[in-house]
Protein backbone atom coordinates (compact mmCIF):
# COMPACT_ATOMS: atom_id res chain seq x y z
CA MET A 1 0.00 0.00 0.00
CA PRO A 2 1.46 3.43 -0.96
CA PRO A 3 2.12 5.93 1.83
CA ALA A 4 -0.78 8.15 2.80
CA ARG A 5 -0.69 11.52 1.13
CA PRO A 6 -0.66 14.47 3.56
CA PRO A 7 -3.48 17.01 3.32
CA ILE A 8 -3.08 19.96 0.95
CA PRO A 9 -2.38 23.20 2.88
CA ASP A 10 -5.21 25.70 2.99
CA THR A 11 -2.92 28.62 2.19
CA LEU A 12 -2.11 28.74 -1.51
CA GLY A 13 1.42 30.05 -0.88
CA GLU A 14 2.23 27.06 1.32
CA ARG A 15 1.42 24.76 -1.58
CA ILE A 16 4.50 25.90 -3.49
CA ARG A 17 7.74 24.52 -2.12
CA VAL A 18 11.36 24.36 -3.22
CA LYS A 19 13.75 21.46 -2.84
CA ARG A 20 17.10 20.32 -4.19
CA ILE A 21 16.59 17.58 -6.73
CA TYR A 22 19.29 15.55 -4.98
CA ARG A 23 17.03 15.01 -1.97
CA ALA A 24 14.77 11.97 -1.98
CA ALA A 25 11.32 12.28 -3.53
CA ARG A 26 8.50 12.15 -0.99
CA VAL A 27 4.76 11.70 -1.36
CA SER A 28 4.42 15.04 0.45
CA ASP A 29 6.17 16.77 -2.51
CA GLY A 30 2.98 16.59 -4.55
CA LYS A 31 3.70 17.40 -8.19
CA ARG A 32 7.45 17.71 -8.73
CA PHE A 33 8.76 20.13 -11.37
CA LEU A 34 12.41 20.51 -12.33
CA VAL A 35 12.84 24.24 -13.03
CA ASP A 36 16.44 24.20 -14.28
CA ARG A 37 17.35 24.51 -17.96
CA LEU A 38 19.93 21.71 -17.69
CA TRP A 39 19.36 18.20 -16.40
CA SER A 40 20.88 17.70 -12.94
CA ARG A 41 24.13 15.76 -13.06
CA GLY A 42 23.96 12.31 -11.50
CA VAL A 43 20.16 12.16 -11.14
CA ALA A 44 18.37 9.27 -12.83
CA LYS A 45 15.14 10.31 -14.50
CA ASP A 46 13.13 7.57 -12.77
CA ARG A 47 14.55 8.57 -9.37
CA ALA A 48 13.59 12.21 -9.95
CA ARG A 49 9.89 11.31 -10.09
CA LEU A 50 9.05 14.45 -12.04
CA PHE A 51 5.61 15.55 -13.03
CA ASP A 52 7.34 17.76 -15.60
CA TRP A 53 10.65 19.33 -16.54
CA CYS A 54 9.99 23.03 -17.12
CA LYS A 55 13.10 24.11 -19.06
CA ASP A 56 11.38 27.10 -20.62
CA ILE A 57 10.56 28.73 -17.29
CA ALA A 58 14.18 28.49 -16.13
CA PRO A 59 16.50 31.48 -16.46
CA SER A 60 17.90 32.00 -19.96
CA ASP A 61 21.36 30.63 -20.68
CA THR A 62 22.66 34.20 -20.74
CA LEU A 63 21.25 35.00 -17.31
CA ARG A 64 22.34 31.64 -15.88
CA HIS A 65 25.92 32.19 -17.05
CA TRP A 66 25.89 35.78 -15.77
CA PHE A 67 24.72 34.74 -12.30
CA HIS A 68 27.25 31.91 -12.15
CA ALA A 69 29.99 34.49 -12.79
CA ASN A 70 28.42 37.03 -10.38
CA PRO A 71 26.93 35.11 -7.44
CA ASP A 72 27.28 38.19 -5.22
CA GLN A 73 24.78 40.02 -7.45
CA TRP A 74 21.70 38.24 -6.07
CA GLN A 75 19.32 41.22 -6.21
CA ASP A 76 20.31 41.95 -9.82
CA PHE A 77 19.66 38.29 -10.66
CA VAL A 78 16.22 38.47 -9.01
CA THR A 79 15.34 41.60 -11.00
CA ARG A 80 16.57 40.13 -14.28
CA TYR A 81 14.90 36.76 -13.78
CA ARG A 82 11.60 38.41 -12.80
CA ALA A 83 11.82 40.42 -16.04
CA GLU A 84 12.27 37.16 -17.97
CA LEU A 85 9.34 35.58 -16.13
CA ALA A 86 7.15 38.57 -17.06
CA THR A 87 7.65 37.60 -20.71
CA ARG A 88 6.60 34.00 -19.96
CA GLU A 89 3.35 34.71 -18.17
CA ASP A 90 1.64 31.75 -19.85
CA LEU A 91 4.15 29.37 -18.28
CA VAL A 92 3.88 31.07 -14.88
CA CYS A 93 0.09 30.84 -15.09
CA GLU A 94 0.20 27.16 -16.03
CA LEU A 95 2.58 26.26 -13.21
CA ALA A 96 0.67 28.34 -10.65
CA GLY A 97 -2.53 26.61 -11.74
CA TYR A 98 -1.24 23.30 -10.42
CA ALA A 99 -0.87 24.84 -6.95
CA GLN A 100 -4.54 25.74 -6.87
CA GLY A 101 -5.40 22.09 -6.34
CA ASP A 102 -2.21 20.37 -5.25
CA ILE A 103 1.18 20.77 -3.64
CA VAL A 104 3.86 21.85 -6.11
CA THR A 105 7.56 21.29 -5.44
CA LEU A 106 10.03 23.25 -7.56
CA LEU A 107 13.25 21.30 -7.92
CA TYR A 108 16.67 22.81 -8.56
CA ALA A 109 20.27 21.58 -8.54
CA SER A 110 22.16 24.56 -7.07
CA LYS A 111 24.11 23.97 -3.86
CA ASP A 112 23.01 27.41 -2.63
CA GLU A 113 19.64 26.81 -1.01
CA GLU A 114 18.92 30.51 -0.43
CA HIS A 115 19.99 32.02 -3.75
CA ASN A 116 18.67 30.11 -6.74
CA ASN A 117 16.11 30.41 -9.50
CA ALA A 118 13.56 28.19 -7.75
CA ILE A 119 13.32 30.67 -4.85
CA VAL A 120 12.61 33.54 -7.27
CA LEU A 121 10.09 31.44 -9.20
CA ARG A 122 8.35 30.31 -5.99
CA ASP A 123 7.94 33.93 -4.88
CA CYS A 124 6.68 34.93 -8.32
CA LEU A 125 4.14 32.07 -8.33
CA ARG A 126 2.95 32.98 -4.84
CA GLN A 127 2.43 36.59 -5.93
CA TRP A 128 0.56 35.42 -9.02
CA LEU A 129 -1.74 33.26 -6.89
CA GLU A 130 -2.35 36.10 -4.46
CA ARG A 131 -3.27 38.44 -7.34
CA GLU A 132 -5.65 35.82 -8.74
CA ARG A 133 -7.23 35.30 -5.32
CA LYS A 134 -7.84 39.02 -4.94
CA ASN A 135 -9.28 39.26 -8.46
CA ASP A 136 -11.53 36.20 -8.17
CA GLY A 137 -12.31 36.14 -4.47
CA PRO A 138 -11.32 33.28 -2.18
CA ALA A 139 -9.60 30.51 -4.12
CA GLN A 140 -9.06 27.02 -2.74
């Protein structure tokens, strides 16, 4: 018998989580999305247990290379990545839509757990959901 699935949080923002792809998949992860442009080194696709690999929502190669060379420029990275996400609103909307009815875990490979694209994307998705909730009334 598969493990029992935990309840879905009432707060929409709590439904969007981030996690390194190198950590074990859990039932509590809900739908797992890899949000890096490159496949994570050393991770078998079956072990990743992905719902989807969202390459197109990841930072552009140019921005990824820039941030790798300038890791101390976190706020500039956030601003630049948010600008890229603004041009991919359809992808943001699609990904945020999953969190309206399930837990969504954004997976990334970076060793830095506080400064990575998944953190920026999570915050962007949470803001999108909050805007939608305000526009449509209570959403659950």
